[in-house]
Amino acid sequence: MSLDRSDVESIAQLARLKIDDAEVPAYTQTLSNILDLVDKMQAVDTTDVEPLANPLDATQRLRADVVSEENQREQLQKVAPKAEQGLFLVPKVIE
């Protein structure tokens, strides 16, 4: 797909970009190349290709879910400004 100067100026206006007149030909060429690549990619037959969750087909290594710290709620709430029934009380922020 080939773009012309008016297309690039229109795209720039929609994107709220200020492009100097001297830069328009370079943007026109670059955007045309990108659209040509998209056209080539859309022409590829992908009917038998399954989508991948990860392009490397890798799985994430997970560590064991083990408790690493003790429950210190009682100690932490002793120094809290306000606590009630095991919960920290905070000031209301939404009227």
Protein backbone atom coordinates (compact mmCIF):
# COMPACT_ATOMS: atom_id res chain seq x y z
CA MET A 1 0.00 0.00 0.00
CA SER A 2 1.40 3.34 -0.96
CA LEU A 3 0.69 6.54 0.93
CA ASP A 4 0.98 10.04 -0.43
CA ARG A 5 1.80 13.35 1.22
CA SER A 6 -1.83 14.18 2.09
CA ASP A 7 -2.26 10.79 3.81
CA VAL A 8 0.77 11.38 6.03
CA GLU A 9 -0.34 14.91 6.86
CA SER A 10 -3.80 13.63 7.76
CA ILE A 11 -2.34 10.87 9.96
CA ALA A 12 -0.08 13.39 11.66
CA GLN A 13 -3.02 15.68 12.36
CA LEU A 14 -5.10 12.83 13.80
CA ALA A 15 -2.18 11.78 16.00
CA ARG A 16 -1.59 15.39 17.03
CA LEU A 17 1.98 15.27 15.73
CA LYS A 18 3.79 18.23 14.25
CA ILE A 19 5.86 17.16 11.27
CA ASP A 20 8.04 19.57 9.35
CA ASP A 21 7.49 19.76 5.60
CA ALA A 22 11.02 18.48 5.03
CA GLU A 23 10.26 15.31 7.04
CA VAL A 24 7.06 14.35 5.22
CA PRO A 25 8.77 12.38 2.40
CA ALA A 26 10.72 10.27 4.91
CA TYR A 27 7.58 9.56 6.94
CA THR A 28 5.70 8.73 3.74
CA GLN A 29 8.31 6.17 2.72
CA THR A 30 8.58 4.64 6.20
CA LEU A 31 4.84 4.29 6.68
CA SER A 32 4.43 2.85 3.17
CA ASN A 33 7.12 0.25 3.93
CA ILE A 34 5.36 -0.72 7.15
CA LEU A 35 2.02 -1.11 5.40
CA ASP A 36 3.67 -3.17 2.63
CA LEU A 37 5.09 -5.50 5.29
CA VAL A 38 1.64 -5.85 6.88
CA ASP A 39 0.18 -6.74 3.47
CA LYS A 40 2.84 -9.44 3.00
CA MET A 41 2.15 -10.85 6.46
CA GLN A 42 -1.60 -10.97 5.82
CA ALA A 43 -1.02 -12.90 2.60
CA VAL A 44 0.58 -15.82 4.49
CA ASP A 45 -1.66 -18.87 4.94
CA THR A 46 -1.94 -19.59 8.67
CA THR A 47 -4.92 -21.95 8.69
CA ASP A 48 -2.98 -24.89 10.21
CA VAL A 49 -0.87 -22.84 12.62
CA GLU A 50 -1.84 -22.89 16.29
CA PRO A 51 -1.43 -19.66 18.24
CA LEU A 52 1.38 -19.61 20.79
CA ALA A 53 1.22 -18.21 24.30
CA ASN A 54 4.98 -17.79 24.19
CA PRO A 55 7.02 -17.56 20.96
CA LEU A 56 9.79 -19.63 22.54
CA ASP A 57 7.29 -22.32 23.64
CA ALA A 58 8.84 -22.14 27.09
CA THR A 59 7.28 -22.82 30.45
CA GLN A 60 7.86 -20.73 33.52
CA ARG A 61 9.86 -22.33 36.31
CA LEU A 62 8.01 -21.88 39.56
CA ARG A 63 9.44 -22.17 43.04
CA ALA A 64 7.72 -24.20 45.72
CA ASP A 65 4.99 -22.34 47.59
CA VAL A 66 6.48 -22.44 51.09
CA VAL A 67 5.78 -20.12 54.02
CA SER A 68 8.97 -18.14 54.62
CA GLU A 69 7.86 -15.82 57.45
CA GLU A 70 5.83 -16.24 60.58
CA ASN A 71 2.58 -14.41 61.25
CA GLN A 72 3.56 -11.25 63.15
CA ARG A 73 0.16 -9.53 63.16
CA GLU A 74 -0.03 -9.15 66.96
CA GLN A 75 3.40 -7.46 67.16
CA LEU A 76 2.72 -5.17 64.21
CA GLN A 77 -0.70 -4.11 65.48
CA LYS A 78 0.72 -3.19 68.90
CA VAL A 79 2.55 -0.25 67.30
CA ALA A 80 -0.25 0.64 64.86
CA PRO A 81 -2.15 3.87 65.59
CA LYS A 82 -5.50 2.04 65.41
CA ALA A 83 -6.39 -1.64 65.09
CA GLU A 84 -9.60 -3.55 65.69
CA GLN A 85 -10.43 -7.26 65.41
CA GLY A 86 -7.12 -8.02 63.70
CA LEU A 87 -7.49 -5.23 61.12
CA PHE A 88 -5.58 -1.97 60.71
CA LEU A 89 -7.92 1.04 60.84
CA VAL A 90 -7.11 3.91 58.49
CA PRO A 91 -8.70 7.33 58.01
CA LYS A 92 -11.51 7.63 55.49
CA VAL A 93 -10.20 9.12 52.22
CA ILE A 94 -13.36 9.19 50.11
CA GLU A 95 -16.22 11.44 51.21
